[in-house]
C-alpha cells in the first residue's frame, strides 16, 4: 500500500499562490544554472521512505485544509549549511487539487496512509482549482465537492 506525507504549507494562501511560488522557484534555479527541481528541506528523514517513493505524494495543508498534492519524486539525505543532517523531499511540479479536508495545525510532517488521503477532484472538477479557497471549503463542508 502506498504511503504519503502531509505537511503544512506555511506562508501560502491558496493553490494558485503555491503554483506561482513553485514557478518562481524553478525560474530562479534555472537562472542560477542549478538543477530545476522543487525541494522541501526538512530535518528528519522518513524511516518509511521506501513505502513512499515511488507512488507517494506530499499532501499540502493550506489554510486549515488539505487542498492539493504533489507527487514525490525522491527522498534523499542531505546536509544543511551548518553541516547538520537533513532530508530533501523532491516533488513534481504538477499540482493535483484534492477534496478539501479540514486538518488542524501540526509541526513537521506526518505519514498519511492511502485510505485516509482525500480523493483527487478529477476532471469533472477541473474548474474547482480556479475557485476561491473559501468557496471550495464551503462546498466541501456541504458535501458538494
N, C-alpha and C. Protein backbone atom coordinates (compact mmCIF):
# COMPACT_ATOMS: atom_id res chain seq x y z
N UNK A 1 0.84 -1.18 0.00
CA UNK A 1 0.00 0.00 0.00
C UNK A 1 0.88 1.24 0.00
N UNK A 2 0.52 2.21 -0.81
CA UNK A 2 1.28 3.44 -0.92
C UNK A 2 1.11 4.28 0.34
N UNK A 3 2.18 4.91 0.74
CA UNK A 3 2.19 5.79 1.89
C UNK A 3 2.50 7.20 1.39
N UNK A 4 1.88 8.18 1.99
CA UNK A 4 2.08 9.58 1.60
C UNK A 4 2.59 10.36 2.80
N UNK A 5 2.96 11.61 2.54
CA UNK A 5 3.32 12.55 3.60
C UNK A 5 2.34 13.71 3.55
N UNK A 6 2.13 14.33 4.70
CA UNK A 6 1.29 15.51 4.80
C UNK A 6 2.08 16.58 5.53
N UNK A 7 1.97 17.83 5.07
CA UNK A 7 2.75 18.91 5.65
C UNK A 7 1.99 20.22 5.52
N UNK A 8 2.19 21.11 6.49
CA UNK A 8 1.61 22.44 6.40
C UNK A 8 2.34 23.24 5.34
N UNK A 9 1.60 24.00 4.56
CA UNK A 9 2.17 24.85 3.52
C UNK A 9 2.21 26.28 4.07
N UNK A 10 3.23 26.55 4.86
CA UNK A 10 3.35 27.81 5.60
C UNK A 10 3.60 28.97 4.64
N UNK A 11 2.85 30.05 4.86
CA UNK A 11 3.02 31.26 4.06
C UNK A 11 2.29 31.24 2.73
N UNK A 12 1.55 30.19 2.46
CA UNK A 12 0.81 30.06 1.20
C UNK A 12 -0.68 30.20 1.49
N UNK A 13 -1.37 30.98 0.67
CA UNK A 13 -2.79 31.26 0.90
C UNK A 13 -3.75 30.43 0.06
N UNK A 14 -3.26 29.86 -1.05
CA UNK A 14 -4.14 29.14 -1.95
C UNK A 14 -3.32 28.23 -2.86
N UNK A 15 -4.03 27.39 -3.60
CA UNK A 15 -3.35 26.53 -4.58
C UNK A 15 -2.67 27.39 -5.64
N UNK A 16 -3.32 28.46 -6.04
CA UNK A 16 -2.77 29.35 -7.05
C UNK A 16 -1.48 30.01 -6.53
N UNK A 17 -1.48 30.40 -5.26
CA UNK A 17 -0.30 31.00 -4.65
C UNK A 17 0.85 29.99 -4.64
N UNK A 18 0.56 28.73 -4.32
CA UNK A 18 1.58 27.68 -4.33
C UNK A 18 2.14 27.48 -5.75
N UNK A 19 1.25 27.46 -6.74
CA UNK A 19 1.69 27.29 -8.13
C UNK A 19 2.61 28.44 -8.55
N UNK A 20 2.25 29.65 -8.19
CA UNK A 20 3.07 30.83 -8.51
C UNK A 20 4.42 30.74 -7.82
N UNK A 21 4.42 30.33 -6.57
CA UNK A 21 5.66 30.19 -5.80
C UNK A 21 6.56 29.12 -6.42
N UNK A 22 5.98 27.99 -6.81
CA UNK A 22 6.76 26.92 -7.44
C UNK A 22 7.38 27.39 -8.75
N UNK A 23 6.58 28.08 -9.57
CA UNK A 23 7.10 28.57 -10.86
C UNK A 23 8.26 29.55 -10.64
N UNK A 24 8.11 30.44 -9.65
CA UNK A 24 9.17 31.41 -9.35
C UNK A 24 10.43 30.69 -8.87
N UNK A 25 10.28 29.68 -8.06
CA UNK A 25 11.42 28.90 -7.58
C UNK A 25 12.15 28.23 -8.74
N UNK A 26 11.41 27.62 -9.64
CA UNK A 26 12.03 26.96 -10.80
C UNK A 26 12.75 27.96 -11.70
N UNK A 27 12.14 29.14 -11.91
CA UNK A 27 12.79 30.18 -12.72
C UNK A 27 14.11 30.63 -12.08
N UNK A 28 14.09 30.82 -10.76
CA UNK A 28 15.29 31.25 -10.05
C UNK A 28 16.40 30.20 -10.13
N UNK A 29 16.02 28.94 -10.02
CA UNK A 29 17.01 27.86 -10.12
C UNK A 29 17.62 27.81 -11.51
N UNK A 30 16.78 27.94 -12.54
CA UNK A 30 17.29 27.92 -13.91
C UNK A 30 18.21 29.10 -14.16
N UNK A 31 17.84 30.29 -13.65
CA UNK A 31 18.66 31.48 -13.83
C UNK A 31 20.02 31.31 -13.15
N UNK A 32 20.04 30.58 -12.03
CA UNK A 32 21.28 30.34 -11.29
C UNK A 32 22.04 29.13 -11.84
N UNK A 33 21.50 28.53 -12.91
CA UNK A 33 22.11 27.35 -13.54
C UNK A 33 22.24 26.19 -12.56
N UNK A 34 21.21 26.05 -11.73
CA UNK A 34 21.14 24.92 -10.79
C UNK A 34 20.08 23.96 -11.29
N UNK A 35 20.10 22.71 -10.81
CA UNK A 35 19.06 21.76 -11.22
C UNK A 35 17.67 22.31 -10.89
N UNK A 36 16.78 22.28 -11.88
CA UNK A 36 15.42 22.80 -11.70
C UNK A 36 14.55 21.72 -11.09
N UNK A 37 14.59 21.62 -9.77
CA UNK A 37 13.75 20.66 -9.07
C UNK A 37 13.18 21.31 -7.82
N UNK A 38 11.93 20.97 -7.53
CA UNK A 38 11.26 21.51 -6.36
C UNK A 38 11.62 20.67 -5.15
N UNK A 39 12.17 21.32 -4.14
CA UNK A 39 12.64 20.62 -2.95
C UNK A 39 12.10 21.31 -1.71
N UNK A 40 11.62 20.49 -0.78
CA UNK A 40 11.30 20.99 0.54
C UNK A 40 12.26 20.31 1.50
N UNK A 41 13.02 21.09 2.22
CA UNK A 41 14.01 20.54 3.16
C UNK A 41 13.37 20.43 4.54
N UNK A 42 13.57 19.28 5.15
CA UNK A 42 13.05 19.02 6.49
C UNK A 42 14.16 18.39 7.33
N UNK A 43 14.01 18.43 8.63
CA UNK A 43 15.08 17.93 9.49
C UNK A 43 15.25 16.43 9.48
N UNK A 44 14.15 15.71 9.51
CA UNK A 44 14.27 14.25 9.67
C UNK A 44 13.87 13.49 8.41
N UNK A 45 14.61 12.42 8.17
CA UNK A 45 14.36 11.52 7.05
C UNK A 45 13.26 10.55 7.44
N UNK A 46 12.22 10.40 6.62
CA UNK A 46 11.18 9.42 6.94
C UNK A 46 11.76 8.00 6.99
N UNK A 47 11.53 7.32 8.07
CA UNK A 47 12.04 5.95 8.20
C UNK A 47 11.38 5.02 7.19
N UNK A 48 10.18 5.39 6.74
CA UNK A 48 9.43 4.55 5.82
C UNK A 48 9.50 5.09 4.39
N UNK A 49 10.61 5.72 4.06
CA UNK A 49 10.77 6.35 2.73
C UNK A 49 10.55 5.37 1.60
N UNK A 50 10.95 4.12 1.79
CA UNK A 50 10.79 3.13 0.72
C UNK A 50 9.33 2.80 0.45
N UNK A 51 8.44 3.13 1.38
CA UNK A 51 7.00 2.92 1.17
C UNK A 51 6.36 4.14 0.50
N UNK A 52 7.09 5.25 0.47
CA UNK A 52 6.55 6.50 -0.07
C UNK A 52 6.91 6.67 -1.54
N UNK A 53 8.18 6.45 -1.86
CA UNK A 53 8.65 6.62 -3.24
C UNK A 53 9.01 5.25 -3.79
N UNK A 54 8.51 4.88 -4.95
CA UNK A 54 7.67 5.65 -5.86
C UNK A 54 6.18 5.51 -5.51
N UNK A 55 5.41 6.43 -6.03
CA UNK A 55 3.96 6.34 -5.91
C UNK A 55 3.32 7.23 -4.88
N UNK A 56 4.09 7.74 -3.93
CA UNK A 56 3.52 8.58 -2.88
C UNK A 56 3.49 10.04 -3.26
N UNK A 57 2.75 10.80 -2.48
CA UNK A 57 2.62 12.23 -2.72
C UNK A 57 2.82 13.01 -1.42
N UNK A 58 3.08 14.29 -1.58
CA UNK A 58 3.13 15.22 -0.46
C UNK A 58 1.82 15.99 -0.50
N UNK A 59 0.98 15.80 0.52
CA UNK A 59 -0.30 16.49 0.62
C UNK A 59 -0.08 17.77 1.41
N UNK A 60 -0.47 18.89 0.83
CA UNK A 60 -0.27 20.19 1.45
C UNK A 60 -1.53 20.66 2.17
N UNK A 61 -1.36 21.10 3.43
CA UNK A 61 -2.43 21.73 4.20
C UNK A 61 -2.29 23.22 4.01
N UNK A 62 -3.31 23.82 3.40
CA UNK A 62 -3.33 25.26 3.14
C UNK A 62 -4.55 25.84 3.83
N UNK A 63 -4.33 26.81 4.68
CA UNK A 63 -5.44 27.49 5.39
C UNK A 63 -6.35 26.50 6.12
N UNK A 64 -5.76 25.55 6.82
CA UNK A 64 -6.54 24.64 7.68
C UNK A 64 -7.19 23.46 6.99
N UNK A 65 -6.86 23.23 5.71
CA UNK A 65 -7.45 22.09 4.99
C UNK A 65 -6.43 21.51 4.01
N UNK A 66 -6.46 20.19 3.87
CA UNK A 66 -5.67 19.55 2.83
C UNK A 66 -6.34 19.96 1.53
N UNK A 67 -5.59 20.62 0.63
CA UNK A 67 -6.19 21.13 -0.60
C UNK A 67 -5.56 20.60 -1.88
N UNK A 68 -4.30 20.18 -1.79
CA UNK A 68 -3.58 19.82 -3.01
C UNK A 68 -2.48 18.83 -2.68
N UNK A 69 -2.06 18.09 -3.70
CA UNK A 69 -0.94 17.17 -3.51
C UNK A 69 0.04 17.32 -4.66
N UNK A 70 1.29 16.92 -4.39
CA UNK A 70 2.33 16.87 -5.41
C UNK A 70 3.03 15.52 -5.27
N UNK A 71 3.22 14.82 -6.37
CA UNK A 71 3.88 13.52 -6.35
C UNK A 71 5.32 13.68 -5.87
N UNK A 72 5.73 12.76 -5.00
CA UNK A 72 7.11 12.76 -4.52
C UNK A 72 7.96 11.97 -5.51
N UNK A 73 9.02 12.60 -5.98
CA UNK A 73 9.92 12.00 -6.95
C UNK A 73 11.07 11.28 -6.25
N UNK A 74 11.54 11.89 -5.16
CA UNK A 74 12.70 11.34 -4.46
C UNK A 74 12.72 11.86 -3.03
N UNK A 75 13.24 11.05 -2.14
CA UNK A 75 13.53 11.46 -0.77
C UNK A 75 15.00 11.16 -0.55
N UNK A 76 15.77 12.21 -0.28
CA UNK A 76 17.21 11.97 -0.15
C UNK A 76 17.79 12.67 1.07
N UNK A 77 18.83 12.03 1.60
CA UNK A 77 19.55 12.61 2.72
C UNK A 77 20.37 13.79 2.20
N UNK A 78 20.52 14.81 3.04
CA UNK A 78 21.28 15.99 2.67
C UNK A 78 21.98 16.55 3.91
N UNK A 79 22.74 17.60 3.70
CA UNK A 79 23.42 18.29 4.78
C UNK A 79 23.13 19.78 4.61
N UNK A 80 22.71 20.44 5.69
CA UNK A 80 22.37 21.86 5.59
C UNK A 80 23.62 22.73 5.66
N UNK A 81 23.42 24.03 5.61
CA UNK A 81 24.54 24.99 5.60
C UNK A 81 25.39 24.92 6.88
N UNK A 82 24.80 24.42 7.97
CA UNK A 82 25.53 24.30 9.24
C UNK A 82 26.19 22.94 9.40
N UNK A 83 26.11 22.10 8.38
CA UNK A 83 26.71 20.78 8.44
C UNK A 83 25.86 19.74 9.15
N UNK A 84 24.60 20.05 9.40
CA UNK A 84 23.70 19.12 10.07
C UNK A 84 22.94 18.26 9.06
N UNK A 85 22.73 17.00 9.42
CA UNK A 85 21.98 16.09 8.54
C UNK A 85 20.53 16.55 8.42
N UNK A 86 19.98 16.43 7.23
CA UNK A 86 18.58 16.79 6.99
C UNK A 86 18.07 15.93 5.84
N UNK A 87 16.89 16.24 5.37
CA UNK A 87 16.24 15.46 4.32
C UNK A 87 15.65 16.39 3.28
N UNK A 88 15.85 16.06 2.02
CA UNK A 88 15.23 16.80 0.92
C UNK A 88 14.08 15.98 0.35
N UNK A 89 12.89 16.56 0.36
CA UNK A 89 11.73 15.96 -0.28
C UNK A 89 11.64 16.59 -1.67
N UNK A 90 11.85 15.82 -2.70
CA UNK A 90 11.83 16.31 -4.08
C UNK A 90 10.49 15.94 -4.68
N UNK A 91 9.76 16.92 -5.18
CA UNK A 91 8.42 16.64 -5.69
C UNK A 91 8.20 17.21 -7.08
N UNK A 92 7.21 16.65 -7.76
CA UNK A 92 6.86 17.06 -9.12
C UNK A 92 6.23 18.45 -9.11
N UNK A 93 6.32 19.11 -10.26
CA UNK A 93 5.76 20.45 -10.38
C UNK A 93 4.23 20.43 -10.42
N UNK A 94 3.65 19.38 -10.98
CA UNK A 94 2.20 19.33 -11.16
C UNK A 94 1.46 19.32 -9.82
N UNK A 95 0.52 20.24 -9.69
CA UNK A 95 -0.34 20.31 -8.51
C UNK A 95 -1.65 19.60 -8.82
N UNK A 96 -2.06 18.70 -7.93
CA UNK A 96 -3.30 17.95 -8.12
C UNK A 96 -4.27 18.35 -7.01
N UNK A 97 -5.30 19.14 -7.33
CA UNK A 97 -6.28 19.51 -6.31
C UNK A 97 -7.00 18.27 -5.77
N UNK A 98 -7.23 18.26 -4.47
CA UNK A 98 -7.94 17.16 -3.83
C UNK A 98 -9.16 17.71 -3.11
N UNK A 99 -10.05 16.81 -2.73
CA UNK A 99 -11.23 17.25 -1.98
C UNK A 99 -10.75 17.92 -0.69
N UNK A 100 -11.10 19.19 -0.48
CA UNK A 100 -10.65 19.89 0.73
C UNK A 100 -11.09 19.12 1.99
N UNK A 101 -10.10 18.86 2.85
CA UNK A 101 -10.34 18.09 4.06
C UNK A 101 -9.74 18.86 5.23
N UNK A 102 -10.56 19.25 6.21
CA UNK A 102 -10.03 20.01 7.35
C UNK A 102 -8.90 19.26 8.06
N UNK A 103 -7.89 20.00 8.48
CA UNK A 103 -6.76 19.41 9.21
C UNK A 103 -6.21 20.46 10.16
N UNK A 104 -6.09 20.09 11.43
CA UNK A 104 -5.51 21.00 12.42
C UNK A 104 -4.01 21.16 12.20
N UNK A 105 -3.49 22.23 12.73
CA UNK A 105 -2.06 22.51 12.60
C UNK A 105 -1.24 21.47 13.36
N UNK A 106 -0.05 21.20 12.85
CA UNK A 106 0.89 20.28 13.48
C UNK A 106 2.28 20.71 13.04
N UNK A 107 3.29 20.19 13.71
CA UNK A 107 4.66 20.53 13.35
C UNK A 107 5.28 19.43 12.50
N UNK A 108 6.15 19.82 11.60
CA UNK A 108 6.85 18.85 10.78
C UNK A 108 5.93 18.22 9.76
N UNK A 109 6.19 16.95 9.46
CA UNK A 109 5.36 16.22 8.52
C UNK A 109 4.78 15.00 9.24
N UNK A 110 3.78 14.42 8.64
CA UNK A 110 3.15 13.21 9.18
C UNK A 110 2.96 12.24 8.03
N UNK A 111 2.91 10.95 8.37
CA UNK A 111 2.55 9.95 7.38
C UNK A 111 1.06 10.03 7.13
N UNK A 112 0.65 9.70 5.92
CA UNK A 112 -0.76 9.66 5.54
C UNK A 112 -0.97 8.40 4.72
N UNK A 113 -1.72 7.45 5.29
CA UNK A 113 -1.97 6.20 4.57
C UNK A 113 -2.95 6.46 3.43
N UNK A 114 -2.83 5.69 2.39
CA UNK A 114 -3.63 5.91 1.18
C UNK A 114 -5.13 5.93 1.47
N UNK A 115 -5.60 5.07 2.38
CA UNK A 115 -7.03 5.01 2.68
C UNK A 115 -7.54 6.30 3.33
N UNK A 116 -6.66 7.06 3.98
CA UNK A 116 -7.06 8.29 4.66
C UNK A 116 -6.83 9.54 3.80
N UNK A 117 -6.20 9.37 2.65
CA UNK A 117 -5.91 10.50 1.78
C UNK A 117 -7.17 10.97 1.07
N UNK A 118 -7.39 12.29 1.01
CA UNK A 118 -8.56 12.78 0.28
C UNK A 118 -8.44 12.48 -1.20
N UNK A 119 -9.56 12.19 -1.86
CA UNK A 119 -9.51 11.87 -3.30
C UNK A 119 -9.21 13.11 -4.15
N UNK A 120 -8.61 12.86 -5.29
CA UNK A 120 -8.38 13.94 -6.26
C UNK A 120 -9.72 14.46 -6.73
N UNK A 121 -9.76 15.73 -7.07
CA UNK A 121 -11.01 16.30 -7.57
C UNK A 121 -11.35 15.76 -8.96
N UNK A 122 -10.35 15.40 -9.74
CA UNK A 122 -10.61 14.77 -11.03
C UNK A 122 -11.00 15.75 -12.11
N UNK A 123 -11.21 15.19 -13.30
CA UNK A 123 -11.51 16.01 -14.48
C UNK A 123 -12.84 16.74 -14.35
N UNK A 124 -13.80 16.12 -13.69
CA UNK A 124 -15.11 16.75 -13.56
C UNK A 124 -15.03 18.05 -12.75
N UNK A 125 -14.00 18.18 -11.91
CA UNK A 125 -13.85 19.36 -11.06
C UNK A 125 -12.65 20.20 -11.45
N UNK A 126 -12.28 20.15 -12.71
CA UNK A 126 -11.11 20.89 -13.17
C UNK A 126 -11.20 22.37 -12.80
N UNK A 127 -12.37 22.94 -12.87
CA UNK A 127 -12.55 24.35 -12.55
C UNK A 127 -12.49 24.65 -11.07
N UNK A 128 -12.54 23.63 -10.22
CA UNK A 128 -12.52 23.85 -8.77
C UNK A 128 -11.24 24.53 -8.32
N UNK A 129 -10.14 24.24 -8.99
CA UNK A 129 -8.88 24.87 -8.58
C UNK A 129 -8.90 26.37 -8.85
N UNK A 130 -9.81 26.81 -9.72
CA UNK A 130 -9.92 28.23 -10.02
C UNK A 130 -10.83 28.96 -9.03
N UNK A 131 -11.59 28.20 -8.23
CA UNK A 131 -12.48 28.80 -7.25
C UNK A 131 -11.67 29.36 -6.08
N UNK A 132 -12.17 30.39 -5.44
CA UNK A 132 -11.52 30.87 -4.21
C UNK A 132 -11.49 29.74 -3.17
N UNK A 133 -10.44 29.70 -2.37
CA UNK A 133 -10.28 28.64 -1.38
C UNK A 133 -11.46 28.57 -0.43
N UNK A 134 -12.00 29.73 -0.05
CA UNK A 134 -13.13 29.76 0.88
C UNK A 134 -14.36 29.07 0.27
N UNK A 135 -14.57 29.30 -1.03
CA UNK A 135 -15.71 28.69 -1.71
C UNK A 135 -15.53 27.17 -1.79
N UNK A 136 -14.30 26.72 -2.12
CA UNK A 136 -14.03 25.28 -2.15
C UNK A 136 -14.29 24.65 -0.79
N UNK A 137 -13.84 25.31 0.28
CA UNK A 137 -14.01 24.77 1.64
C UNK A 137 -15.49 24.70 1.99
N UNK A 138 -16.25 25.73 1.61
CA UNK A 138 -17.69 25.75 1.92
C UNK A 138 -18.44 24.66 1.14
N UNK A 139 -18.10 24.49 -0.13
CA UNK A 139 -18.73 23.44 -0.93
C UNK A 139 -18.37 22.05 -0.39
N UNK A 140 -17.13 21.89 0.08
CA UNK A 140 -16.72 20.61 0.65
C UNK A 140 -17.48 20.33 1.94
N UNK A 141 -17.67 21.35 2.77
CA UNK A 141 -18.41 21.19 4.02
C UNK A 141 -19.86 20.78 3.77
N UNK A 142 -20.41 21.24 2.65
CA UNK A 142 -21.78 20.90 2.27
C UNK A 142 -21.86 19.54 1.56
N UNK A 143 -20.72 18.95 1.30
CA UNK A 143 -20.67 17.66 0.62
C UNK A 143 -20.86 17.76 -0.88
N UNK A 144 -20.66 18.95 -1.43
CA UNK A 144 -20.85 19.18 -2.85
C UNK A 144 -19.56 19.13 -3.66
N UNK A 145 -18.47 19.01 -2.97
CA UNK A 145 -17.17 18.98 -3.65
C UNK A 145 -16.38 17.82 -3.11
